[in-house]
Amino acid sequence: MFAAPAIIGVFWGAPLVAREVDAHTYKVAWNQSITRTRWLTVKLAVVGLAAMATVGLLSLIVSCTHPRSTRLSR
């Protein structure tokens, strides 16, 4: 369960970087004034924030629509 976000991130983030490498646009990005590490960090951070916002919104929707009477009590 703890590895799920990392696994999802790998499968979501890898195509973004692969698309840049396949289109050879990474050469343009990496030759600009920003470093390769910063380029990759920003690229993955944008996707990460979008993923967190999506999961947060879905979690809020599920928690608001789930009837409270079916929760397990101790």
C-alpha atoms as a PDB file:
ATOM      1  CA  MET A   1       0.000   0.000   0.000  1.00  0.00           C
ATOM      2  CA  PHE A   2       2.847   2.387   0.779  1.00  0.00           C
ATOM      3  CA  ALA A   3       4.521   1.726  -2.579  1.00  0.00           C
ATOM      4  CA  ALA A   4       1.400   2.527  -4.612  1.00  0.00           C
ATOM      5  CA  PRO A   5       2.099   6.288  -5.005  1.00  0.00           C
ATOM      6  CA  ALA A   6       5.671   5.600  -6.123  1.00  0.00           C
ATOM      7  CA  ILE A   7       4.559   2.965  -8.615  1.00  0.00           C
ATOM      8  CA  ILE A   8       1.848   5.247  -9.983  1.00  0.00           C
ATOM      9  CA  GLY A   9       4.372   8.076 -10.229  1.00  0.00           C
ATOM     10  CA  VAL A  10       6.798   5.930 -12.191  1.00  0.00           C
ATOM     11  CA  PHE A  11       4.151   4.837 -14.660  1.00  0.00           C
ATOM     12  CA  TRP A  12       2.791   8.371 -14.976  1.00  0.00           C
ATOM     13  CA  GLY A  13       6.090  10.251 -15.046  1.00  0.00           C
ATOM     14  CA  ALA A  14       8.079   7.948 -17.313  1.00  0.00           C
ATOM     15  CA  PRO A  15       5.955   8.630 -20.420  1.00  0.00           C
ATOM     16  CA  LEU A  16       6.453  12.379 -19.946  1.00  0.00           C
ATOM     17  CA  VAL A  17      10.207  12.101 -19.986  1.00  0.00           C
ATOM     18  CA  ALA A  18      10.125   9.435 -22.720  1.00  0.00           C
ATOM     19  CA  ARG A  19       8.075  11.732 -24.956  1.00  0.00           C
ATOM     20  CA  GLU A  20      10.675  14.485 -24.550  1.00  0.00           C
ATOM     21  CA  VAL A  21      13.506  12.084 -25.336  1.00  0.00           C
ATOM     22  CA  ASP A  22      11.663  10.567 -28.308  1.00  0.00           C
ATOM     23  CA  ALA A  23      10.894  13.965 -29.840  1.00  0.00           C
ATOM     24  CA  HIS A  24      14.461  15.158 -29.082  1.00  0.00           C
ATOM     25  CA  THR A  25      13.058  18.254 -27.382  1.00  0.00           C
ATOM     26  CA  TYR A  26      15.077  17.402 -24.290  1.00  0.00           C
ATOM     27  CA  LYS A  27      18.148  18.703 -26.152  1.00  0.00           C
ATOM     28  CA  VAL A  28      16.570  22.134 -26.372  1.00  0.00           C
ATOM     29  CA  ALA A  29      15.454  22.082 -22.752  1.00  0.00           C
ATOM     30  CA  TRP A  30      18.773  20.820 -21.426  1.00  0.00           C
ATOM     31  CA  ASN A  31      20.772  23.428 -23.350  1.00  0.00           C
ATOM     32  CA  GLN A  32      18.845  26.321 -21.855  1.00  0.00           C
ATOM     33  CA  SER A  33      19.880  28.218 -18.773  1.00  0.00           C
ATOM     34  CA  ILE A  34      18.257  25.725 -16.390  1.00  0.00           C
ATOM     35  CA  THR A  35      20.028  22.573 -15.302  1.00  0.00           C
ATOM     36  CA  ARG A  36      18.901  19.085 -16.282  1.00  0.00           C
ATOM     37  CA  THR A  37      18.002  18.323 -12.704  1.00  0.00           C
ATOM     38  CA  ARG A  38      15.821  21.419 -12.403  1.00  0.00           C
ATOM     39  CA  TRP A  39      14.117  20.654 -15.734  1.00  0.00           C
ATOM     40  CA  LEU A  40      13.290  17.120 -14.608  1.00  0.00           C
ATOM     41  CA  THR A  41      12.201  18.308 -11.156  1.00  0.00           C
ATOM     42  CA  VAL A  42       9.804  20.884 -12.570  1.00  0.00           C
ATOM     43  CA  LYS A  43       8.479  18.441 -15.156  1.00  0.00           C
ATOM     44  CA  LEU A  44       7.722  15.788 -12.525  1.00  0.00           C
ATOM     45  CA  ALA A  45       6.512  18.286  -9.910  1.00  0.00           C
ATOM     46  CA  VAL A  46       3.791  19.597 -12.204  1.00  0.00           C
ATOM     47  CA  VAL A  47       2.544  16.062 -12.813  1.00  0.00           C
ATOM     48  CA  GLY A  48       2.878  15.219  -9.124  1.00  0.00           C
ATOM     49  CA  LEU A  49       0.825  18.220  -8.070  1.00  0.00           C
ATOM     50  CA  ALA A  50      -1.826  17.375 -10.651  1.00  0.00           C
ATOM     51  CA  ALA A  51      -1.944  13.802  -9.371  1.00  0.00           C
ATOM     52  CA  MET A  52      -2.218  14.938  -5.755  1.00  0.00           C
ATOM     53  CA  ALA A  53      -5.010  17.369  -6.608  1.00  0.00           C
ATOM     54  CA  THR A  54      -6.888  14.669  -8.526  1.00  0.00           C
ATOM     55  CA  VAL A  55      -6.548  12.101  -5.752  1.00  0.00           C
ATOM     56  CA  GLY A  56      -7.504  14.685  -3.126  1.00  0.00           C
ATOM     57  CA  LEU A  57     -10.607  15.673  -5.044  1.00  0.00           C
ATOM     58  CA  LEU A  58     -11.626  12.049  -5.604  1.00  0.00           C
ATOM     59  CA  SER A  59     -11.018  11.290  -1.928  1.00  0.00           C
ATOM     60  CA  LEU A  60     -13.185  14.220  -0.910  1.00  0.00           C
ATOM     61  CA  ILE A  61     -15.971  13.119  -3.239  1.00  0.00           C
ATOM     62  CA  VAL A  62     -15.867   9.544  -1.957  1.00  0.00           C
ATOM     63  CA  SER A  63     -15.776  10.596   1.687  1.00  0.00           C
ATOM     64  CA  CYS A  64     -18.708  12.984   1.217  1.00  0.00           C
ATOM     65  CA  THR A  65     -20.873  10.522  -0.681  1.00  0.00           C
ATOM     66  CA  HIS A  66     -20.106   7.442   1.417  1.00  0.00           C
ATOM     67  CA  PRO A  67     -22.841   6.816   3.977  1.00  0.00           C
ATOM     68  CA  ARG A  68     -21.509   7.094   7.505  1.00  0.00           C
ATOM     69  CA  SER A  69     -23.657   4.243   8.781  1.00  0.00           C
ATOM     70  CA  THR A  70     -21.551   1.630   6.985  1.00  0.00           C
ATOM     71  CA  ARG A  71     -18.312   2.580   8.717  1.00  0.00           C
ATOM     72  CA  LEU A  72     -16.849   0.006  11.035  1.00  0.00           C
ATOM     73  CA  SER A  73     -16.778   0.945  14.682  1.00  0.00           C
ATOM     74  CA  ARG A  74     -14.492  -0.428  17.365  1.00  0.00           C
END
